[in-house]
Amino acid sequence: MVLCPECDNDLDLDEDELEEGDAISCSECGSDFEVVTTDPLDLRPVGEAEEDDEDEDEEDEDDEDE
């Protein structure tokens, strides 16, 4: 059983058929997640990694200006 990280709703997924990079949506709260790893199963909210990458890019640009 896979629970939504946001609302703890049962996502009713077949864990054996999931692959890294798959997109999953919660029917209860509407949140979208990406499968990061399958063993153990780890879900990340869609867009979270993109924001982290942008923050790192901005920090790198600041370092270059110095």
PDB file of N, CA and C in Angstrom:
ATOM      1  N   MET A   1       0.848  -1.182   0.000  1.00  0.00           N
ATOM      2  CA  MET A   1       0.000   0.000   0.000  1.00  0.00           C
ATOM      3  C   MET A   1       0.892   1.244   0.000  1.00  0.00           C
ATOM      4  N   VAL A   2       0.589   2.167  -0.892  1.00  0.00           N
ATOM      5  CA  VAL A   2       1.336   3.415  -1.006  1.00  0.00           C
ATOM      6  C   VAL A   2       0.431   4.555  -0.544  1.00  0.00           C
ATOM      7  N   LEU A   3       0.944   5.362   0.386  1.00  0.00           N
ATOM      8  CA  LEU A   3       0.174   6.490   0.891  1.00  0.00           C
ATOM      9  C   LEU A   3       0.680   7.791   0.282  1.00  0.00           C
ATOM     10  N   CYS A   4      -0.247   8.690   0.002  1.00  0.00           N
ATOM     11  CA  CYS A   4       0.096  10.016  -0.497  1.00  0.00           C
ATOM     12  C   CYS A   4       0.894  10.749   0.581  1.00  0.00           C
ATOM     13  N   PRO A   5       2.061  11.299   0.223  1.00  0.00           N
ATOM     14  CA  PRO A   5       2.860  12.040   1.203  1.00  0.00           C
ATOM     15  C   PRO A   5       2.179  13.310   1.712  1.00  0.00           C
ATOM     16  N   GLU A   6       1.187  13.811   0.983  1.00  0.00           N
ATOM     17  CA  GLU A   6       0.507  15.050   1.373  1.00  0.00           C
ATOM     18  C   GLU A   6      -0.693  14.801   2.284  1.00  0.00           C
ATOM     19  N   CYS A   7      -1.557  13.832   1.906  1.00  0.00           N
ATOM     20  CA  CYS A   7      -2.811  13.667   2.642  1.00  0.00           C
ATOM     21  C   CYS A   7      -2.995  12.275   3.245  1.00  0.00           C
ATOM     22  N   ASP A   8      -2.027  11.375   3.057  1.00  0.00           N
ATOM     23  CA  ASP A   8      -2.072  10.009   3.590  1.00  0.00           C
ATOM     24  C   ASP A   8      -3.179   9.153   2.992  1.00  0.00           C
ATOM     25  N   ASN A   9      -3.708   9.548   1.840  1.00  0.00           N
ATOM     26  CA  ASN A   9      -4.695   8.742   1.131  1.00  0.00           C
ATOM     27  C   ASN A   9      -3.996   7.541   0.498  1.00  0.00           C
ATOM     28  N   ASP A  10      -4.673   6.386   0.453  1.00  0.00           N
ATOM     29  CA  ASP A  10      -4.130   5.207  -0.210  1.00  0.00           C
ATOM     30  C   ASP A  10      -4.143   5.460  -1.712  1.00  0.00           C
ATOM     31  N   LEU A  11      -2.957   5.442  -2.342  1.00  0.00           N
ATOM     32  CA  LEU A  11      -2.857   5.737  -3.769  1.00  0.00           C
ATOM     33  C   LEU A  11      -3.244   4.555  -4.654  1.00  0.00           C
ATOM     34  N   ASP A  12      -3.444   3.377  -4.071  1.00  0.00           N
ATOM     35  CA  ASP A  12      -3.907   2.202  -4.797  1.00  0.00           C
ATOM     36  C   ASP A  12      -3.063   1.939  -6.041  1.00  0.00           C
ATOM     37  N   LEU A  13      -1.766   1.763  -5.839  1.00  0.00           N
ATOM     38  CA  LEU A  13      -0.814   1.525  -6.919  1.00  0.00           C
ATOM     39  C   LEU A  13      -0.246   0.126  -6.819  1.00  0.00           C
ATOM     40  N   ASP A  14       0.132  -0.426  -7.963  1.00  0.00           N
ATOM     41  CA  ASP A  14       0.848  -1.698  -7.978  1.00  0.00           C
ATOM     42  C   ASP A  14       2.336  -1.367  -7.944  1.00  0.00           C
ATOM     43  N   GLU A  15       2.938  -1.485  -6.780  1.00  0.00           N
ATOM     44  CA  GLU A  15       4.338  -1.088  -6.595  1.00  0.00           C
ATOM     45  C   GLU A  15       5.280  -1.840  -7.522  1.00  0.00           C
ATOM     46  N   ASP A  16       4.927  -3.067  -7.909  1.00  0.00           N
ATOM     47  CA  ASP A  16       5.783  -3.867  -8.795  1.00  0.00           C
ATOM     48  C   ASP A  16       5.843  -3.302 -10.214  1.00  0.00           C
ATOM     49  N   GLU A  17       4.846  -2.507 -10.602  1.00  0.00           N
ATOM     50  CA  GLU A  17       4.814  -1.954 -11.958  1.00  0.00           C
ATOM     51  C   GLU A  17       5.367  -0.538 -12.044  1.00  0.00           C
ATOM     52  N   LEU A  18       5.739   0.054 -10.907  1.00  0.00           N
ATOM     53  CA  LEU A  18       6.270   1.410 -10.907  1.00  0.00           C
ATOM     54  C   LEU A  18       7.723   1.424 -11.351  1.00  0.00           C
ATOM     55  N   GLU A  19       8.097   2.477 -12.072  1.00  0.00           N
ATOM     56  CA  GLU A  19       9.478   2.669 -12.491  1.00  0.00           C
ATOM     57  C   GLU A  19       9.911   4.075 -12.122  1.00  0.00           C
ATOM     58  N   GLU A  20      11.223   4.266 -11.940  1.00  0.00           N
ATOM     59  CA  GLU A  20      11.748   5.595 -11.638  1.00  0.00           C
ATOM     60  C   GLU A  20      11.343   6.559 -12.746  1.00  0.00           C
ATOM     61  N   GLY A  21      10.890   7.739 -12.359  1.00  0.00           N
ATOM     62  CA  GLY A  21      10.474   8.749 -13.320  1.00  0.00           C
ATOM     63  C   GLY A  21       8.986   8.744 -13.603  1.00  0.00           C
ATOM     64  N   ASP A  22       8.264   7.706 -13.155  1.00  0.00           N
ATOM     65  CA  ASP A  22       6.809   7.662 -13.357  1.00  0.00           C
ATOM     66  C   ASP A  22       6.155   8.819 -12.619  1.00  0.00           C
ATOM     67  N   ALA A  23       5.071   9.328 -13.182  1.00  0.00           N
ATOM     68  CA  ALA A  23       4.292  10.379 -12.550  1.00  0.00           C
ATOM     69  C   ALA A  23       3.046   9.765 -11.933  1.00  0.00           C
ATOM     70  N   ILE A  24       2.719  10.209 -10.722  1.00  0.00           N
ATOM     71  CA  ILE A  24       1.576   9.697  -9.974  1.00  0.00           C
ATOM     72  C   ILE A  24       0.775  10.886  -9.468  1.00  0.00           C
ATOM     73  N   SER A  25      -0.550  10.766  -9.518  1.00  0.00           N
ATOM     74  CA  SER A  25      -1.419  11.803  -8.981  1.00  0.00           C
ATOM     75  C   SER A  25      -2.296  11.215  -7.887  1.00  0.00           C
ATOM     76  N   CYS A  26      -2.531  11.990  -6.858  1.00  0.00           N
ATOM     77  CA  CYS A  26      -3.418  11.574  -5.782  1.00  0.00           C
ATOM     78  C   CYS A  26      -4.842  11.987  -6.144  1.00  0.00           C
ATOM     79  N   SER A  27      -5.751  11.022  -6.143  1.00  0.00           N
ATOM     80  CA  SER A  27      -7.139  11.316  -6.493  1.00  0.00           C
ATOM     81  C   SER A  27      -7.849  12.101  -5.393  1.00  0.00           C
ATOM     82  N   GLU A  28      -7.323  12.061  -4.186  1.00  0.00           N
ATOM     83  CA  GLU A  28      -7.952  12.739  -3.055  1.00  0.00           C
ATOM     84  C   GLU A  28      -7.584  14.225  -3.004  1.00  0.00           C
ATOM     85  N   CYS A  29      -6.280  14.549  -3.003  1.00  0.00           N
ATOM     86  CA  CYS A  29      -5.853  15.949  -2.843  1.00  0.00           C
ATOM     87  C   CYS A  29      -5.371  16.582  -4.152  1.00  0.00           C
ATOM     88  N   GLY A  30      -5.153  15.754  -5.198  1.00  0.00           N
ATOM     89  CA  GLY A  30      -4.741  16.288  -6.494  1.00  0.00           C
ATOM     90  C   GLY A  30      -3.257  16.545  -6.631  1.00  0.00           C
ATOM     91  N   SER A  31      -2.472  16.201  -5.629  1.00  0.00           N
ATOM     92  CA  SER A  31      -1.028  16.417  -5.694  1.00  0.00           C
ATOM     93  C   SER A  31      -0.392  15.469  -6.703  1.00  0.00           C
ATOM     94  N   ASP A  32       0.637  15.961  -7.392  1.00  0.00           N
ATOM     95  CA  ASP A  32       1.369  15.160  -8.369  1.00  0.00           C
ATOM     96  C   ASP A  32       2.744  14.829  -7.809  1.00  0.00           C
ATOM     97  N   PHE A  33       3.168  13.575  -8.036  1.00  0.00           N
ATOM     98  CA  PHE A  33       4.446  13.103  -7.524  1.00  0.00           C
ATOM     99  C   PHE A  33       5.207  12.377  -8.616  1.00  0.00           C
ATOM    100  N   GLU A  34       6.524  12.348  -8.467  1.00  0.00           N
ATOM    101  CA  GLU A  34       7.404  11.595  -9.343  1.00  0.00           C
ATOM    102  C   GLU A  34       8.048  10.490  -8.521  1.00  0.00           C
ATOM    103  N   VAL A  35       8.154   9.296  -9.116  1.00  0.00           N
ATOM    104  CA  VAL A  35       8.830   8.190  -8.448  1.00  0.00           C
ATOM    105  C   VAL A  35      10.329   8.442  -8.551  1.00  0.00           C
ATOM    106  N   VAL A  36      10.993   8.623  -7.409  1.00  0.00           N
ATOM    107  CA  VAL A  36      12.427   8.879  -7.371  1.00  0.00           C
ATOM    108  C   VAL A  36      13.181   7.556  -7.336  1.00  0.00           C
ATOM    109  N   THR A  37      12.764   6.665  -6.450  1.00  0.00           N
ATOM    110  CA  THR A  37      13.339   5.321  -6.376  1.00  0.00           C
ATOM    111  C   THR A  37      12.207   4.327  -6.158  1.00  0.00           C
ATOM    112  N   THR A  38      12.441   3.079  -6.567  1.00  0.00           N
ATOM    113  CA  THR A  38      11.413   2.057  -6.411  1.00  0.00           C
ATOM    114  C   THR A  38      11.686   1.109  -5.250  1.00  0.00           C
ATOM    115  N   ASP A  39      12.932   1.013  -4.802  1.00  0.00           N
ATOM    116  CA  ASP A  39      13.251   0.109  -3.701  1.00  0.00           C
ATOM    117  C   ASP A  39      14.281   0.744  -2.787  1.00  0.00           C
ATOM    118  N   PRO A  40      13.866   1.421  -1.746  1.00  0.00           N
ATOM    119  CA  PRO A  40      12.486   1.580  -1.304  1.00  0.00           C
ATOM    120  C   PRO A  40      11.774   2.637  -2.140  1.00  0.00           C
ATOM    121  N   LEU A  41      10.456   2.578  -2.151  1.00  0.00           N
ATOM    122  CA  LEU A  41       9.655   3.530  -2.916  1.00  0.00           C
ATOM    123  C   LEU A  41       9.791   4.917  -2.301  1.00  0.00           C
ATOM    124  N   ASP A  42      10.174   5.885  -3.134  1.00  0.00           N
ATOM    125  CA  ASP A  42      10.332   7.261  -2.684  1.00  0.00           C
ATOM    126  C   ASP A  42       9.662   8.166  -3.695  1.00  0.00           C
ATOM    127  N   LEU A  43       8.722   8.981  -3.224  1.00  0.00           N
ATOM    128  CA  LEU A  43       7.999   9.910  -4.090  1.00  0.00           C
ATOM    129  C   LEU A  43       8.416  11.332  -3.767  1.00  0.00           C
ATOM    130  N   ARG A  44       8.529  12.162  -4.810  1.00  0.00           N
ATOM    131  CA  ARG A  44       8.879  13.572  -4.635  1.00  0.00           C
ATOM    132  C   ARG A  44       7.815  14.402  -5.346  1.00  0.00           C
ATOM    133  N   PRO A  45       7.342  15.466  -4.710  1.00  0.00           N
ATOM    134  CA  PRO A  45       6.376  16.329  -5.385  1.00  0.00           C
ATOM    135  C   PRO A  45       6.948  16.838  -6.706  1.00  0.00           C
ATOM    136  N   VAL A  46       6.127  16.829  -7.744  1.00  0.00           N
ATOM    137  CA  VAL A  46       6.574  17.310  -9.053  1.00  0.00           C
ATOM    138  C   VAL A  46       6.942  18.782  -8.928  1.00  0.00           C
ATOM    139  N   GLY A  47       8.085  19.154  -9.503  1.00  0.00           N
ATOM    140  CA  GLY A  47       8.547  20.529  -9.480  1.00  0.00           C
ATOM    141  C   GLY A  47       9.520  20.825  -8.353  1.00  0.00           C
ATOM    142  N   GLU A  48       9.592  19.969  -7.350  1.00  0.00           N
ATOM    143  CA  GLU A  48      10.498  20.226  -6.222  1.00  0.00           C
ATOM    144  C   GLU A  48      11.956  20.187  -6.659  1.00  0.00           C
ATOM    145  N   ALA A  49      12.331  19.226  -7.481  1.00  0.00           N
ATOM    146  CA  ALA A  49      13.721  19.114  -7.935  1.00  0.00           C
ATOM    147  C   ALA A  49      14.085  20.289  -8.824  1.00  0.00           C
ATOM    148  N   GLU A  50      13.155  20.731  -9.651  1.00  0.00           N
ATOM    149  CA  GLU A  50      13.429  21.860 -10.539  1.00  0.00           C
ATOM    150  C   GLU A  50      13.728  23.110  -9.723  1.00  0.00           C
ATOM    151  N   GLU A  51      12.972  23.340  -8.656  1.00  0.00           N
ATOM    152  CA  GLU A  51      13.206  24.504  -7.815  1.00  0.00           C
ATOM    153  C   GLU A  51      14.565  24.405  -7.139  1.00  0.00           C
ATOM    154  N   ASP A  52      14.934  23.213  -6.663  1.00  0.00           N
ATOM    155  CA  ASP A  52      16.230  23.034  -6.031  1.00  0.00           C
ATOM    156  C   ASP A  52      17.352  23.322  -7.015  1.00  0.00           C
ATOM    157  N   ASP A  53      17.225  22.857  -8.251  1.00  0.00           N
ATOM    158  CA  ASP A  53      18.242  23.090  -9.269  1.00  0.00           C
ATOM    159  C   ASP A  53      18.375  24.572  -9.575  1.00  0.00           C
ATOM    160  N   GLU A  54      17.253  25.287  -9.636  1.00  0.00           N
ATOM    161  CA  GLU A  54      17.301  26.719  -9.914  1.00  0.00           C
ATOM    162  C   GLU A  54      18.024  27.455  -8.793  1.00  0.00           C
ATOM    163  N   ASP A  55      17.752  27.079  -7.546  1.00  0.00           N
ATOM    164  CA  ASP A  55      18.413  27.716  -6.411  1.00  0.00           C
ATOM    165  C   ASP A  55      19.920  27.510  -6.476  1.00  0.00           C
ATOM    166  N   GLU A  56      20.362  26.297  -6.826  1.00  0.00           N
ATOM    167  CA  GLU A  56      21.789  26.009  -6.927  1.00  0.00           C
ATOM    168  C   GLU A  56      22.418  26.808  -8.061  1.00  0.00           C
ATOM    169  N   ASP A  57      21.707  26.942  -9.182  1.00  0.00           N
ATOM    170  CA  ASP A  57      22.227  27.708 -10.307  1.00  0.00           C
ATOM    171  C   ASP A  57      22.415  29.167  -9.924  1.00  0.00           C
ATOM    172  N   GLU A  58      21.464  29.732  -9.179  1.00  0.00           N
ATOM    173  CA  GLU A  58      21.571  31.120  -8.750  1.00  0.00           C
ATOM    174  C   GLU A  58      22.764  31.308  -7.821  1.00  0.00           C
ATOM    175  N   GLU A  59      22.995  30.351  -6.926  1.00  0.00           N
ATOM    176  CA  GLU A  59      24.127  30.436  -6.008  1.00  0.00           C
ATOM    177  C   GLU A  59      25.442  30.369  -6.781  1.00  0.00           C
ATOM    178  N   ASP A  60      25.499  29.509  -7.802  1.00  0.00           N
ATOM    179  CA  ASP A  60      26.708  29.410  -8.618  1.00  0.00           C
ATOM    180  C   ASP A  60      26.994  30.716  -9.349  1.00  0.00           C
ATOM    181  N   GLU A  61      25.955  31.365  -9.860  1.00  0.00           N
ATOM    182  CA  GLU A  61      26.133  32.632 -10.557  1.00  0.00           C
ATOM    183  C   GLU A  61      26.638  33.698  -9.605  1.00  0.00           C
ATOM    184  N   ASP A  62      26.122  33.694  -8.351  1.00  0.00           N
ATOM    185  CA  ASP A  62      26.571  34.661  -7.362  1.00  0.00           C
ATOM    186  C   ASP A  62      28.048  34.468  -7.049  1.00  0.00           C
ATOM    187  N   ASP A  63      28.492  33.211  -6.971  1.00  0.00           N
ATOM    188  CA  ASP A  63      29.886  32.917  -6.682  1.00  0.00           C
ATOM    189  C   ASP A  63      30.793  33.416  -7.806  1.00  0.00           C
ATOM    190  N   GLU A  64      30.338  33.318  -9.043  1.00  0.00           N
ATOM    191  CA  GLU A  64      31.136  33.754 -10.187  1.00  0.00           C
ATOM    192  C   GLU A  64      31.314  35.266 -10.213  1.00  0.00           C
ATOM    193  N   ASP A  65      30.318  36.001  -9.674  1.00  0.00           N
ATOM    194  CA  ASP A  65      30.376  37.461  -9.676  1.00  0.00           C
ATOM    195  C   ASP A  65      31.426  37.992  -8.702  1.00  0.00           C
ATOM    196  N   GLU A  66      31.788  37.210  -7.713  1.00  0.00           N
ATOM    197  CA  GLU A  66      32.708  37.689  -6.683  1.00  0.00           C
ATOM    198  C   GLU A  66      34.114  37.718  -7.128  1.00  0.00           C
TER     199      GLU A  66
END
